Amino acid sequence: MKDIPRSKWHRVLKGLEPLSVRIVCPTCGGISRLDHDIADNGCVTPSVVCANEGCSFHRWICLVDWDKGNILTSMDRKLEE
């Protein structure tokens, strides 16, 4: 499990509502949007694969200092479609 420090992730807002989370890849430094479920403790499922070409990062991660934000889960997004 790889801890992602608070300085390496942030929420993307739509107005005042949290919409998604972006992380800085610990391997390549590229920025990726998480389309994952985030537990109350900040652990992300499924495992995260960096979207940047040539990067080999593929790990289970936890977002340090996650505060149970109201990010839509993958199931919520499916229900909205």
PDB file of N, CA and C in Angstrom:
ATOM      1  N   MET A   1       0.845  -1.176   0.000  1.00  0.00           N
ATOM      2  CA  MET A   1       0.000   0.000   0.000  1.00  0.00           C
ATOM      3  C   MET A   1       0.889   1.237   0.000  1.00  0.00           C
ATOM      4  N   LYS A   2       0.642   2.150  -0.890  1.00  0.00           N
ATOM      5  CA  LYS A   2       1.424   3.374  -1.015  1.00  0.00           C
ATOM      6  C   LYS A   2       0.603   4.538  -0.485  1.00  0.00           C
ATOM      7  N   ASP A   3       1.135   5.261   0.512  1.00  0.00           N
ATOM      8  CA  ASP A   3       0.469   6.461   1.017  1.00  0.00           C
ATOM      9  C   ASP A   3       0.798   7.634   0.106  1.00  0.00           C
ATOM     10  N   ILE A   4      -0.254   8.349  -0.296  1.00  0.00           N
ATOM     11  CA  ILE A   4      -0.089   9.545  -1.118  1.00  0.00           C
ATOM     12  C   ILE A   4      -0.290  10.751  -0.197  1.00  0.00           C
ATOM     13  N   PRO A   5       0.770  11.545   0.064  1.00  0.00           N
ATOM     14  CA  PRO A   5       0.640  12.663   0.994  1.00  0.00           C
ATOM     15  C   PRO A   5      -0.335  13.729   0.493  1.00  0.00           C
ATOM     16  N   ARG A   6      -0.887  14.472   1.406  1.00  0.00           N
ATOM     17  CA  ARG A   6      -1.895  15.487   1.075  1.00  0.00           C
ATOM     18  C   ARG A   6      -1.388  16.473   0.023  1.00  0.00           C
ATOM     19  N   SER A   7      -0.124  16.742   0.004  1.00  0.00           N
ATOM     20  CA  SER A   7       0.430  17.683  -0.973  1.00  0.00           C
ATOM     21  C   SER A   7       0.434  17.122  -2.394  1.00  0.00           C
ATOM     22  N   LYS A   8       0.144  15.824  -2.545  1.00  0.00           N
ATOM     23  CA  LYS A   8       0.185  15.172  -3.862  1.00  0.00           C
ATOM     24  C   LYS A   8      -1.188  14.756  -4.376  1.00  0.00           C
ATOM     25  N   TRP A   9      -2.264  15.212  -3.719  1.00  0.00           N
ATOM     26  CA  TRP A   9      -3.605  14.962  -4.236  1.00  0.00           C
ATOM     27  C   TRP A   9      -4.489  16.164  -3.929  1.00  0.00           C
ATOM     28  N   HIS A  10      -5.504  16.378  -4.753  1.00  0.00           N
ATOM     29  CA  HIS A  10      -6.458  17.453  -4.488  1.00  0.00           C
ATOM     30  C   HIS A  10      -7.810  17.136  -5.109  1.00  0.00           C
ATOM     31  N   ARG A  11      -8.818  17.754  -4.537  1.00  0.00           N
ATOM     32  CA  ARG A  11     -10.177  17.597  -5.055  1.00  0.00           C
ATOM     33  C   ARG A  11     -10.385  18.527  -6.237  1.00  0.00           C
ATOM     34  N   VAL A  12     -11.166  18.054  -7.184  1.00  0.00           N
ATOM     35  CA  VAL A  12     -11.627  18.889  -8.285  1.00  0.00           C
ATOM     36  C   VAL A  12     -13.081  19.220  -7.961  1.00  0.00           C
ATOM     37  N   LEU A  13     -13.386  20.498  -7.929  1.00  0.00           N
ATOM     38  CA  LEU A  13     -14.730  20.930  -7.543  1.00  0.00           C
ATOM     39  C   LEU A  13     -15.549  21.356  -8.745  1.00  0.00           C
ATOM     40  N   LYS A  14     -16.859  21.193  -8.614  1.00  0.00           N
ATOM     41  CA  LYS A  14     -17.814  21.752  -9.566  1.00  0.00           C
ATOM     42  C   LYS A  14     -18.674  22.678  -8.728  1.00  0.00           C
ATOM     43  N   GLY A  15     -18.423  23.969  -8.820  1.00  0.00           N
ATOM     44  CA  GLY A  15     -19.048  24.901  -7.893  1.00  0.00           C
ATOM     45  C   GLY A  15     -18.461  24.646  -6.520  1.00  0.00           C
ATOM     46  N   LEU A  16     -19.293  24.348  -5.552  1.00  0.00           N
ATOM     47  CA  LEU A  16     -18.817  24.030  -4.212  1.00  0.00           C
ATOM     48  C   LEU A  16     -18.826  22.531  -3.940  1.00  0.00           C
ATOM     49  N   GLU A  17     -19.253  21.734  -4.908  1.00  0.00           N
ATOM     50  CA  GLU A  17     -19.378  20.292  -4.724  1.00  0.00           C
ATOM     51  C   GLU A  17     -18.137  19.548  -5.202  1.00  0.00           C
ATOM     52  N   PRO A  18     -17.550  18.684  -4.343  1.00  0.00           N
ATOM     53  CA  PRO A  18     -16.432  17.854  -4.798  1.00  0.00           C
ATOM     54  C   PRO A  18     -16.878  16.910  -5.912  1.00  0.00           C
ATOM     55  N   LEU A  19     -16.109  16.835  -6.958  1.00  0.00           N
ATOM     56  CA  LEU A  19     -16.476  16.037  -8.121  1.00  0.00           C
ATOM     57  C   LEU A  19     -15.548  14.844  -8.308  1.00  0.00           C
ATOM     58  N   SER A  20     -14.249  15.057  -8.151  1.00  0.00           N
ATOM     59  CA  SER A  20     -13.283  13.980  -8.316  1.00  0.00           C
ATOM     60  C   SER A  20     -11.995  14.355  -7.593  1.00  0.00           C
ATOM     61  N   VAL A  21     -11.017  13.468  -7.698  1.00  0.00           N
ATOM     62  CA  VAL A  21      -9.717  13.688  -7.082  1.00  0.00           C
ATOM     63  C   VAL A  21      -8.646  13.491  -8.139  1.00  0.00           C
ATOM     64  N   ARG A  22      -7.629  14.329  -8.088  1.00  0.00           N
ATOM     65  CA  ARG A  22      -6.456  14.159  -8.951  1.00  0.00           C
ATOM     66  C   ARG A  22      -5.245  13.913  -8.070  1.00  0.00           C
ATOM     67  N   ILE A  23      -4.379  13.040  -8.561  1.00  0.00           N
ATOM     68  CA  ILE A  23      -3.154  12.745  -7.806  1.00  0.00           C
ATOM     69  C   ILE A  23      -1.939  13.005  -8.685  1.00  0.00           C
ATOM     70  N   VAL A  24      -0.825  13.264  -8.019  1.00  0.00           N
ATOM     71  CA  VAL A  24       0.468  13.359  -8.687  1.00  0.00           C
ATOM     72  C   VAL A  24       1.115  11.980  -8.559  1.00  0.00           C
ATOM     73  N   CYS A  25       1.461  11.393  -9.683  1.00  0.00           N
ATOM     74  CA  CYS A  25       2.057  10.061  -9.679  1.00  0.00           C
ATOM     75  C   CYS A  25       3.388  10.078  -8.934  1.00  0.00           C
ATOM     76  N   PRO A  26       3.567   9.172  -7.971  1.00  0.00           N
ATOM     77  CA  PRO A  26       4.828   9.110  -7.226  1.00  0.00           C
ATOM     78  C   PRO A  26       6.023   8.676  -8.079  1.00  0.00           C
ATOM     79  N   THR A  27       5.762   8.052  -9.233  1.00  0.00           N
ATOM     80  CA  THR A  27       6.842   7.568 -10.083  1.00  0.00           C
ATOM     81  C   THR A  27       7.256   8.590 -11.131  1.00  0.00           C
ATOM     82  N   CYS A  28       6.296   9.100 -11.913  1.00  0.00           N
ATOM     83  CA  CYS A  28       6.648   9.979 -13.033  1.00  0.00           C
ATOM     84  C   CYS A  28       6.324  11.453 -12.794  1.00  0.00           C
ATOM     85  N   GLY A  29       5.530  11.756 -11.770  1.00  0.00           N
ATOM     86  CA  GLY A  29       5.160  13.150 -11.494  1.00  0.00           C
ATOM     87  C   GLY A  29       4.006  13.661 -12.323  1.00  0.00           C
ATOM     88  N   GLY A  30       3.451  12.804 -13.188  1.00  0.00           N
ATOM     89  CA  GLY A  30       2.306  13.202 -13.991  1.00  0.00           C
ATOM     90  C   GLY A  30       1.047  13.287 -13.140  1.00  0.00           C
ATOM     91  N   ILE A  31       0.050  14.001 -13.633  1.00  0.00           N
ATOM     92  CA  ILE A  31      -1.210  14.177 -12.903  1.00  0.00           C
ATOM     93  C   ILE A  31      -2.271  13.281 -13.529  1.00  0.00           C
ATOM     94  N   SER A  32      -2.977  12.557 -12.671  1.00  0.00           N
ATOM     95  CA  SER A  32      -4.034  11.649 -13.128  1.00  0.00           C
ATOM     96  C   SER A  32      -5.299  11.870 -12.317  1.00  0.00           C
ATOM     97  N   ARG A  33      -6.433  11.698 -12.983  1.00  0.00           N
ATOM     98  CA  ARG A  33      -7.730  11.763 -12.314  1.00  0.00           C
ATOM     99  C   ARG A  33      -8.075  10.376 -11.797  1.00  0.00           C
ATOM    100  N   LEU A  34      -8.530  10.311 -10.552  1.00  0.00           N
ATOM    101  CA  LEU A  34      -8.958   9.028  -9.986  1.00  0.00           C
ATOM    102  C   LEU A  34     -10.418   8.791 -10.334  1.00  0.00           C
ATOM    103  N   ASP A  35     -10.688   7.708 -11.010  1.00  0.00           N
ATOM    104  CA  ASP A  35     -12.052   7.267 -11.279  1.00  0.00           C
ATOM    105  C   ASP A  35     -12.260   6.008 -10.449  1.00  0.00           C
ATOM    106  N   HIS A  36     -12.091   6.151  -9.140  1.00  0.00           N
ATOM    107  CA  HIS A  36     -12.055   5.032  -8.210  1.00  0.00           C
ATOM    108  C   HIS A  36     -12.956   5.328  -7.018  1.00  0.00           C
ATOM    109  N   ASP A  37     -13.223   4.314  -6.242  1.00  0.00           N
ATOM    110  CA  ASP A  37     -13.923   4.496  -4.973  1.00  0.00           C
ATOM    111  C   ASP A  37     -12.897   4.826  -3.900  1.00  0.00           C
ATOM    112  N   ILE A  38     -13.268   5.729  -2.986  1.00  0.00           N
ATOM    113  CA  ILE A  38     -12.376   6.124  -1.902  1.00  0.00           C
ATOM    114  C   ILE A  38     -13.099   5.872  -0.590  1.00  0.00           C
ATOM    115  N   ALA A  39     -12.522   5.001   0.229  1.00  0.00           N
ATOM    116  CA  ALA A  39     -13.110   4.650   1.526  1.00  0.00           C
ATOM    117  C   ALA A  39     -12.968   5.819   2.499  1.00  0.00           C
ATOM    118  N   ASP A  40     -13.710   5.752   3.592  1.00  0.00           N
ATOM    119  CA  ASP A  40     -13.651   6.800   4.607  1.00  0.00           C
ATOM    120  C   ASP A  40     -12.241   7.029   5.133  1.00  0.00           C
ATOM    121  N   ASN A  41     -11.411   5.985   5.124  1.00  0.00           N
ATOM    122  CA  ASN A  41     -10.038   6.115   5.626  1.00  0.00           C
ATOM    123  C   ASN A  41      -9.054   6.566   4.542  1.00  0.00           C
ATOM    124  N   GLY A  42      -9.548   6.842   3.329  1.00  0.00           N
ATOM    125  CA  GLY A  42      -8.702   7.332   2.243  1.00  0.00           C
ATOM    126  C   GLY A  42      -8.142   6.262   1.333  1.00  0.00           C
ATOM    127  N   CYS A  43      -8.389   4.988   1.644  1.00  0.00           N
ATOM    128  CA  CYS A  43      -7.882   3.921   0.781  1.00  0.00           C
ATOM    129  C   CYS A  43      -8.712   3.831  -0.495  1.00  0.00           C
ATOM    130  N   VAL A  44      -8.018   3.665  -1.592  1.00  0.00           N
ATOM    131  CA  VAL A  44      -8.617   3.734  -2.926  1.00  0.00           C
ATOM    132  C   VAL A  44      -8.753   2.327  -3.509  1.00  0.00           C
ATOM    133  N   THR A  45      -9.915   2.049  -4.119  1.00  0.00           N
ATOM    134  CA  THR A  45     -10.119   0.786  -4.832  1.00  0.00           C
ATOM    135  C   THR A  45     -10.745   1.072  -6.191  1.00  0.00           C
ATOM    136  N   PRO A  46     -10.389   0.348  -7.210  1.00  0.00           N
ATOM    137  CA  PRO A  46      -9.346  -0.667  -7.254  1.00  0.00           C
ATOM    138  C   PRO A  46      -7.961  -0.020  -7.233  1.00  0.00           C
ATOM    139  N   SER A  47      -6.920  -0.837  -7.475  1.00  0.00           N
ATOM    140  CA  SER A  47      -5.555  -0.318  -7.492  1.00  0.00           C
ATOM    141  C   SER A  47      -5.421   0.753  -8.575  1.00  0.00           C
ATOM    142  N   VAL A  48      -4.448   1.616  -8.415  1.00  0.00           N
ATOM    143  CA  VAL A  48      -4.257   2.758  -9.313  1.00  0.00           C
ATOM    144  C   VAL A  48      -3.122   2.465 -10.288  1.00  0.00           C
ATOM    145  N   VAL A  49      -3.403   2.689 -11.564  1.00  0.00           N
ATOM    146  CA  VAL A  49      -2.417   2.556 -12.631  1.00  0.00           C
ATOM    147  C   VAL A  49      -2.217   3.945 -13.225  1.00  0.00           C
ATOM    148  N   CYS A  50      -0.978   4.404 -13.302  1.00  0.00           N
ATOM    149  CA  CYS A  50      -0.708   5.717 -13.889  1.00  0.00           C
ATOM    150  C   CYS A  50      -1.118   5.712 -15.357  1.00  0.00           C
ATOM    151  N   ALA A  51      -1.792   6.782 -15.768  1.00  0.00           N
ATOM    152  CA  ALA A  51      -2.285   6.892 -17.139  1.00  0.00           C
ATOM    153  C   ALA A  51      -1.228   7.433 -18.105  1.00  0.00           C
ATOM    154  N   ASN A  52      -0.085   7.844 -17.585  1.00  0.00           N
ATOM    155  CA  ASN A  52       0.937   8.433 -18.441  1.00  0.00           C
ATOM    156  C   ASN A  52       1.751   7.345 -19.142  1.00  0.00           C
ATOM    157  N   GLU A  53       1.888   7.500 -20.442  1.00  0.00           N
ATOM    158  CA  GLU A  53       2.600   6.516 -21.256  1.00  0.00           C
ATOM    159  C   GLU A  53       4.029   6.330 -20.759  1.00  0.00           C
ATOM    160  N   GLY A  54       4.434   5.094 -20.636  1.00  0.00           N
ATOM    161  CA  GLY A  54       5.779   4.769 -20.218  1.00  0.00           C
ATOM    162  C   GLY A  54       5.968   4.676 -18.712  1.00  0.00           C
ATOM    163  N   CYS A  55       4.960   5.050 -17.932  1.00  0.00           N
ATOM    164  CA  CYS A  55       5.073   4.973 -16.480  1.00  0.00           C
ATOM    165  C   CYS A  55       4.614   3.599 -16.010  1.00  0.00           C
ATOM    166  N   SER A  56       5.348   3.026 -15.063  1.00  0.00           N
ATOM    167  CA  SER A  56       5.039   1.674 -14.590  1.00  0.00           C
ATOM    168  C   SER A  56       4.299   1.660 -13.251  1.00  0.00           C
ATOM    169  N   PHE A  57       3.888   2.829 -12.739  1.00  0.00           N
ATOM    170  CA  PHE A  57       3.235   2.861 -11.433  1.00  0.00           C
ATOM    171  C   PHE A  57       1.912   2.104 -11.470  1.00  0.00           C
ATOM    172  N   HIS A  58       1.765   1.120 -10.575  1.00  0.00           N
ATOM    173  CA  HIS A  58       0.531   0.350 -10.419  1.00  0.00           C
ATOM    174  C   HIS A  58       0.525  -0.157  -8.988  1.00  0.00           C
ATOM    175  N   ARG A  59      -0.239   0.508  -8.124  1.00  0.00           N
ATOM    176  CA  ARG A  59      -0.229   0.183  -6.694  1.00  0.00           C
ATOM    177  C   ARG A  59      -1.593   0.427  -6.074  1.00  0.00           C
ATOM    178  N   TRP A  60      -1.803  -0.200  -4.933  1.00  0.00           N
ATOM    179  CA  TRP A  60      -2.913   0.148  -4.060  1.00  0.00           C
ATOM    180  C   TRP A  60      -2.468   1.385  -3.295  1.00  0.00           C
ATOM    181  N   ILE A  61      -3.338   2.399  -3.179  1.00  0.00           N
ATOM    182  CA  ILE A  61      -2.935   3.634  -2.508  1.00  0.00           C
ATOM    183  C   ILE A  61      -3.941   4.052  -1.445  1.00  0.00           C
ATOM    184  N   CYS A  62      -3.463   4.888  -0.535  1.00  0.00           N
ATOM    185  CA  CYS A  62      -4.312   5.579   0.443  1.00  0.00           C
ATOM    186  C   CYS A  62      -3.980   7.060   0.387  1.00  0.00           C
ATOM    187  N   LEU A  63      -5.024   7.890   0.418  1.00  0.00           N
ATOM    188  CA  LEU A  63      -4.845   9.335   0.424  1.00  0.00           C
ATOM    189  C   LEU A  63      -4.681   9.794   1.870  1.00  0.00           C
ATOM    190  N   VAL A  64      -3.500  10.267   2.218  1.00  0.00           N
ATOM    191  CA  VAL A  64      -3.210  10.720   3.578  1.00  0.00           C
ATOM    192  C   VAL A  64      -4.057  11.961   3.882  1.00  0.00           C
ATOM    193  N   ASP A  65      -4.611  12.004   5.084  1.00  0.00           N
ATOM    194  CA  ASP A  65      -5.447  13.121   5.557  1.00  0.00           C
ATOM    195  C   ASP A  65      -6.776  13.236   4.807  1.00  0.00           C
ATOM    196  N   TRP A  66      -7.237  12.146   4.225  1.00  0.00           N
ATOM    197  CA  TRP A  66      -8.555  12.131   3.592  1.00  0.00           C
ATOM    198  C   TRP A  66      -9.602  12.421   4.663  1.00  0.00           C
ATOM    199  N   ASP A  67     -10.555  13.266   4.359  1.00  0.00           N
ATOM    200  CA  ASP A  67     -11.532  13.660   5.375  1.00  0.00           C
ATOM    201  C   ASP A  67     -12.957  13.264   5.007  1.00  0.00           C
ATOM    202  N   LYS A  68     -13.071  12.108   4.380  1.00  0.00           N
ATOM    203  CA  LYS A  68     -14.397  11.582   4.023  1.00  0.00           C
ATOM    204  C   LYS A  68     -15.161  12.543   3.131  1.00  0.00           C
ATOM    205  N   GLY A  69     -14.488  13.119   2.153  1.00  0.00           N
ATOM    206  CA  GLY A  69     -15.123  14.066   1.241  1.00  0.00           C
ATOM    207  C   GLY A  69     -16.232  13.433   0.432  1.00  0.00           C
ATOM    208  N   ASN A  70     -17.089  14.250  -0.097  1.00  0.00           N
ATOM    209  CA  ASN A  70     -18.248  13.769  -0.852  1.00  0.00           C
ATOM    210  C   ASN A  70     -17.914  13.590  -2.327  1.00  0.00           C
ATOM    211  N   ILE A  71     -16.992  12.707  -2.611  1.00  0.00           N
ATOM    212  CA  ILE A  71     -16.622  12.393  -3.989  1.00  0.00           C
ATOM    213  C   ILE A  71     -17.566  11.309  -4.491  1.00  0.00           C
ATOM    214  N   LEU A  72     -18.056  11.475  -5.704  1.00  0.00           N
ATOM    215  CA  LEU A  72     -18.935  10.463  -6.276  1.00  0.00           C
ATOM    216  C   LEU A  72     -18.172   9.153  -6.447  1.00  0.00           C
ATOM    217  N   THR A  73     -18.776   8.051  -6.063  1.00  0.00           N
ATOM    218  CA  THR A  73     -18.169   6.745  -6.284  1.00  0.00           C
ATOM    219  C   THR A  73     -18.490   6.275  -7.697  1.00  0.00           C
ATOM    220  N   SER A  74     -17.836   5.230  -8.131  1.00  0.00           N
ATOM    221  CA  SER A  74     -18.116   4.692  -9.462  1.00  0.00           C
ATOM    222  C   SER A  74     -19.571   4.243  -9.561  1.00  0.00           C
ATOM    223  N   MET A  75     -20.135   3.710  -8.482  1.00  0.00           N
ATOM    224  CA  MET A  75     -21.542   3.304  -8.498  1.00  0.00           C
ATOM    225  C   MET A  75     -22.457   4.528  -8.638  1.00  0.00           C
ATOM    226  N   ASP A  76     -22.136   5.628  -7.955  1.00  0.00           N
ATOM    227  CA  ASP A  76     -22.924   6.855  -8.092  1.00  0.00           C
ATOM    228  C   ASP A  76     -22.915   7.333  -9.543  1.00  0.00           C
ATOM    229  N   ARG A  77     -21.742   7.282 -10.171  1.00  0.00           N
ATOM    230  CA  ARG A  77     -21.633   7.754 -11.562  1.00  0.00           C
ATOM    231  C   ARG A  77     -22.480   6.870 -12.472  1.00  0.00           C
ATOM    232  N   LYS A  78     -22.509   5.561 -12.239  1.00  0.00           N
ATOM    233  CA  LYS A  78     -23.313   4.661 -13.072  1.00  0.00           C
ATOM    234  C   LYS A  78     -24.789   4.961 -12.910  1.00  0.00           C
ATOM    235  N   LEU A  79     -25.205   5.275 -11.676  1.00  0.00           N
ATOM    236  CA  LEU A  79     -26.615   5.566 -11.425  1.00  0.00           C
ATOM    237  C   LEU A  79     -27.054   6.868 -12.072  1.00  0.00           C
ATOM    238  N   GLU A  80     -26.122   7.821 -12.267  1.00  0.00           N
ATOM    239  CA  GLU A  80     -26.442   9.095 -12.887  1.00  0.00           C
ATOM    240  C   GLU A  80     -26.581   8.998 -14.390  1.00  0.00           C
ATOM    241  N   GLU A  81     -25.992   7.961 -14.992  1.00  0.00           N
ATOM    242  CA  GLU A  81     -26.004   7.832 -16.465  1.00  0.00           C
ATOM    243  C   GLU A  81     -27.372   7.484 -16.988  1.00  0.00           C
TER     244      GLU A  81
END
